[in-house]
Each structure stands twice: as C-alpha cells, then as structure tokens.
Amino acid sequence: MDIVVDYNGRRFHGVGLATDIVESSAKAMVHVLNNIWRAAEVEKELQRKAQNKENNKETV
C-alpha cells in the first residue's frame, strides 16, 4: 500500500506491506504519521539552533 498525504503545505509518503489490505493501509498511515512527526522534530531543532546562534551573537 502506498499513501501520499498533504499536510501543512508539504507532501508526505508512506508505504505499508502486508498480505491484508487493512493491515498494509494501517502500516502506510503509521509510516506517514512518523514522517510528519520526524519533520516537525527536525523543524524544532533547526529553530532551536537558529535561536542559539542568535543568542550567541548578542552576547559577543
């Protein structure tokens, strides 16, 4: 099963493999949700690093 989801202006792709269509669909959706979560965590980390960099400029 292959799922593509548009979320917050971004496209996320998920794949699930199983002999049962319901199981493969669920696995694909979990894959998409994990990708969305991971993208959000990366964005938070980038914002944190940018804030730290800005704070370091102010103290110099």
Protein backbone atom coordinates (compact mmCIF):
# COMPACT_ATOMS: atom_id res chain seq x y z
CA MET A 1 0.00 0.00 0.00
CA ASP A 2 1.26 3.44 -0.93
CA ILE A 3 -0.17 6.61 0.68
CA VAL A 4 0.61 10.26 -0.04
CA VAL A 5 -0.66 12.91 2.38
CA ASP A 6 -0.54 16.70 2.04
CA TYR A 7 0.00 18.28 5.46
CA ASN A 8 0.80 21.94 6.15
CA GLY A 9 1.80 22.52 2.55
CA ARG A 10 4.15 19.54 2.45
CA ARG A 11 3.72 16.13 0.91
CA PHE A 12 4.48 13.02 2.96
CA HIS A 13 4.78 9.50 1.59
CA GLY A 14 4.10 6.25 3.43
CA VAL A 15 4.42 2.60 2.48
CA GLY A 16 2.95 -0.43 4.22
CA LEU A 17 3.45 -4.04 3.21
CA ALA A 18 1.25 -6.91 4.36
CA THR A 19 -0.92 -9.59 2.78
CA ASP A 20 -4.03 -7.97 4.29
CA ILE A 21 -5.11 -4.66 2.69
CA VAL A 22 -6.33 -3.21 6.00
CA GLU A 23 -3.05 -4.05 7.72
CA SER A 24 -0.96 -2.65 4.88
CA SER A 25 -3.07 0.53 4.85
CA ALA A 26 -2.60 0.96 8.60
CA LYS A 27 1.15 0.44 8.29
CA ALA A 28 1.33 3.00 5.50
CA MET A 29 -0.60 5.54 7.58
CA VAL A 30 1.68 4.95 10.58
CA HIS A 31 4.65 5.49 8.25
CA VAL A 32 3.16 8.82 7.08
CA LEU A 33 2.46 9.91 10.67
CA ASN A 34 6.03 9.05 11.68
CA ASN A 35 7.35 11.09 8.75
CA ILE A 36 5.20 14.07 9.76
CA TRP A 37 6.37 13.80 13.38
CA ARG A 38 10.01 13.49 12.30
CA ALA A 39 9.72 16.57 10.05
CA ALA A 40 8.24 18.55 12.96
CA GLU A 41 11.09 17.47 15.25
CA VAL A 42 13.69 18.49 12.66
CA GLU A 43 11.99 21.88 12.27
CA LYS A 44 12.01 22.40 16.06
CA GLU A 45 15.70 21.51 16.21
CA LEU A 46 16.53 23.92 13.38
CA GLN A 47 14.63 26.70 15.15
CA ARG A 48 16.42 25.92 18.42
CA LYS A 49 19.82 26.07 16.71
CA ALA A 50 18.93 29.34 14.97
CA GLN A 51 17.82 30.81 18.31
CA ASN A 52 21.04 29.67 20.00
CA LYS A 53 23.08 31.18 17.18
CA GLU A 54 21.18 34.47 17.54
CA ASN A 55 21.66 34.44 21.33
CA ASN A 56 25.41 33.85 20.88
CA LYS A 57 25.65 36.87 18.55
CA GLU A 58 24.01 39.08 21.17
CA THR A 59 26.47 38.07 23.91
CA VAL A 60 29.59 38.76 21.82
